[in-house]
Amino acid sequence: MSAQDHFGRQADAPRVASPKFRAGIVFLGFAVIAGALLFTEHRAHVLGALVWLPLLACPLMHLFMHGGHGHRGGENQPNDQGRQS
């Protein structure tokens, strides 16, 4: 009697990659090659756009790091309306 895994296959049988996985690897290879060729051909445009990256980073950091203008920072503080002077 041979050992079987939970799905009824032989435990020592070689596993074959699925067609989706193979297609994904091929697509990734083509994407890397296309990206490298596009970067080498359009290097001046890409590097010229990097100058504007710090200017674009300021509003993005404000939105994502400060949470926008929702004023959610003081939710756990007691309410001042119930105090008597």
C-alpha atoms as a PDB file:
ATOM      1  CA  MET A   1       0.000   0.000   0.000  1.00  0.00           C
ATOM      2  CA  SER A   2       1.405   3.397  -0.938  1.00  0.00           C
ATOM      3  CA  ALA A   3       1.237   6.634   0.997  1.00  0.00           C
ATOM      4  CA  GLN A   4      -1.362   9.138  -0.172  1.00  0.00           C
ATOM      5  CA  ASP A   5      -1.966  12.755   0.740  1.00  0.00           C
ATOM      6  CA  HIS A   6      -5.337  14.300   1.639  1.00  0.00           C
ATOM      7  CA  PHE A   7      -6.446  14.621  -1.978  1.00  0.00           C
ATOM      8  CA  GLY A   8      -5.881  10.986  -2.924  1.00  0.00           C
ATOM      9  CA  ARG A   9      -2.752  11.567  -5.013  1.00  0.00           C
ATOM     10  CA  GLN A  10       0.435   9.628  -4.622  1.00  0.00           C
ATOM     11  CA  ALA A  11       2.732  11.329  -2.094  1.00  0.00           C
ATOM     12  CA  ASP A  12       5.873  10.774  -4.156  1.00  0.00           C
ATOM     13  CA  ALA A  13       4.347  11.869  -7.483  1.00  0.00           C
ATOM     14  CA  PRO A  14       5.986  14.995  -8.980  1.00  0.00           C
ATOM     15  CA  ARG A  15       3.927  18.156  -8.812  1.00  0.00           C
ATOM     16  CA  VAL A  16       3.361  20.040 -12.053  1.00  0.00           C
ATOM     17  CA  ALA A  17       2.808  23.788 -12.067  1.00  0.00           C
ATOM     18  CA  SER A  18      -0.662  24.868 -13.104  1.00  0.00           C
ATOM     19  CA  PRO A  19      -1.174  26.591 -16.476  1.00  0.00           C
ATOM     20  CA  LYS A  20      -2.199  29.813 -14.687  1.00  0.00           C
ATOM     21  CA  PHE A  21       1.070  29.858 -12.770  1.00  0.00           C
ATOM     22  CA  ARG A  22       3.079  29.266 -15.941  1.00  0.00           C
ATOM     23  CA  ALA A  23       1.187  32.009 -17.771  1.00  0.00           C
ATOM     24  CA  GLY A  24       1.817  34.367 -14.854  1.00  0.00           C
ATOM     25  CA  ILE A  25       5.557  33.673 -14.963  1.00  0.00           C
ATOM     26  CA  VAL A  26       5.649  34.270 -18.730  1.00  0.00           C
ATOM     27  CA  PHE A  27       3.686  37.508 -18.359  1.00  0.00           C
ATOM     28  CA  LEU A  28       6.005  38.668 -15.592  1.00  0.00           C
ATOM     29  CA  GLY A  29       9.014  37.997 -17.822  1.00  0.00           C
ATOM     30  CA  PHE A  30       7.527  39.990 -20.694  1.00  0.00           C
ATOM     31  CA  ALA A  31       6.578  42.831 -18.333  1.00  0.00           C
ATOM     32  CA  VAL A  32      10.117  43.050 -16.953  1.00  0.00           C
ATOM     33  CA  ILE A  33      11.630  43.096 -20.445  1.00  0.00           C
ATOM     34  CA  ALA A  34       9.111  45.681 -21.678  1.00  0.00           C
ATOM     35  CA  GLY A  35       9.721  47.856 -18.617  1.00  0.00           C
ATOM     36  CA  ALA A  36      13.481  47.732 -19.097  1.00  0.00           C
ATOM     37  CA  LEU A  37      13.182  48.662 -22.779  1.00  0.00           C
ATOM     38  CA  LEU A  38      10.746  51.482 -22.070  1.00  0.00           C
ATOM     39  CA  PHE A  39      13.012  52.866 -19.352  1.00  0.00           C
ATOM     40  CA  THR A  40      16.097  52.825 -21.552  1.00  0.00           C
ATOM     41  CA  GLU A  41      14.278  54.485 -24.445  1.00  0.00           C
ATOM     42  CA  HIS A  42      12.509  57.113 -22.343  1.00  0.00           C
ATOM     43  CA  ARG A  43      15.099  57.699 -19.620  1.00  0.00           C
ATOM     44  CA  ALA A  44      15.162  61.470 -20.080  1.00  0.00           C
ATOM     45  CA  HIS A  45      11.393  61.728 -19.632  1.00  0.00           C
ATOM     46  CA  VAL A  46      11.337  59.481 -16.568  1.00  0.00           C
ATOM     47  CA  LEU A  47      14.253  61.171 -14.830  1.00  0.00           C
ATOM     48  CA  GLY A  48      12.852  64.593 -15.688  1.00  0.00           C
ATOM     49  CA  ALA A  49       9.600  63.718 -13.948  1.00  0.00           C
ATOM     50  CA  LEU A  50      11.469  62.731 -10.769  1.00  0.00           C
ATOM     51  CA  VAL A  51      12.137  66.412 -10.114  1.00  0.00           C
ATOM     52  CA  TRP A  52       8.451  66.870  -9.307  1.00  0.00           C
ATOM     53  CA  LEU A  53       8.291  63.903  -6.921  1.00  0.00           C
ATOM     54  CA  PRO A  54       9.108  65.870  -3.705  1.00  0.00           C
ATOM     55  CA  LEU A  55       6.467  68.443  -4.599  1.00  0.00           C
ATOM     56  CA  LEU A  56       3.912  65.680  -5.125  1.00  0.00           C
ATOM     57  CA  ALA A  57       4.990  63.919  -1.923  1.00  0.00           C
ATOM     58  CA  CYS A  58       3.951  66.854   0.295  1.00  0.00           C
ATOM     59  CA  PRO A  59       0.159  66.657  -0.276  1.00  0.00           C
ATOM     60  CA  LEU A  60       0.234  62.869  -0.386  1.00  0.00           C
ATOM     61  CA  MET A  61       2.013  62.704   2.963  1.00  0.00           C
ATOM     62  CA  HIS A  62      -0.483  65.192   4.366  1.00  0.00           C
ATOM     63  CA  LEU A  63      -3.424  63.061   3.298  1.00  0.00           C
ATOM     64  CA  PHE A  64      -2.074  59.641   4.227  1.00  0.00           C
ATOM     65  CA  MET A  65      -0.025  60.440   7.319  1.00  0.00           C
ATOM     66  CA  HIS A  66      -2.225  63.063   8.978  1.00  0.00           C
ATOM     67  CA  GLY A  67      -5.519  61.426   8.066  1.00  0.00           C
ATOM     68  CA  GLY A  68      -6.800  64.370   6.065  1.00  0.00           C
ATOM     69  CA  HIS A  69      -8.970  66.998   7.751  1.00  0.00           C
ATOM     70  CA  GLY A  70     -11.377  64.615   9.494  1.00  0.00           C
ATOM     71  CA  HIS A  71     -10.188  65.694  12.984  1.00  0.00           C
ATOM     72  CA  ARG A  72     -10.167  62.122  14.202  1.00  0.00           C
ATOM     73  CA  GLY A  73      -7.231  62.661  16.524  1.00  0.00           C
ATOM     74  CA  GLY A  74      -9.093  63.653  19.701  1.00  0.00           C
ATOM     75  CA  GLU A  75     -11.833  61.018  19.976  1.00  0.00           C
ATOM     76  CA  ASN A  76     -10.647  59.675  23.337  1.00  0.00           C
ATOM     77  CA  GLN A  77     -10.461  63.051  25.063  1.00  0.00           C
ATOM     78  CA  PRO A  78     -13.226  64.097  27.478  1.00  0.00           C
ATOM     79  CA  ASN A  79     -15.837  66.543  26.269  1.00  0.00           C
ATOM     80  CA  ASP A  80     -15.480  70.136  27.559  1.00  0.00           C
ATOM     81  CA  GLN A  81     -19.236  70.857  27.380  1.00  0.00           C
ATOM     82  CA  GLY A  82     -20.043  69.025  30.610  1.00  0.00           C
ATOM     83  CA  ARG A  83     -17.563  71.064  32.725  1.00  0.00           C
ATOM     84  CA  GLN A  84     -18.654  73.793  35.066  1.00  0.00           C
ATOM     85  CA  SER A  85     -16.478  76.883  35.580  1.00  0.00           C
END
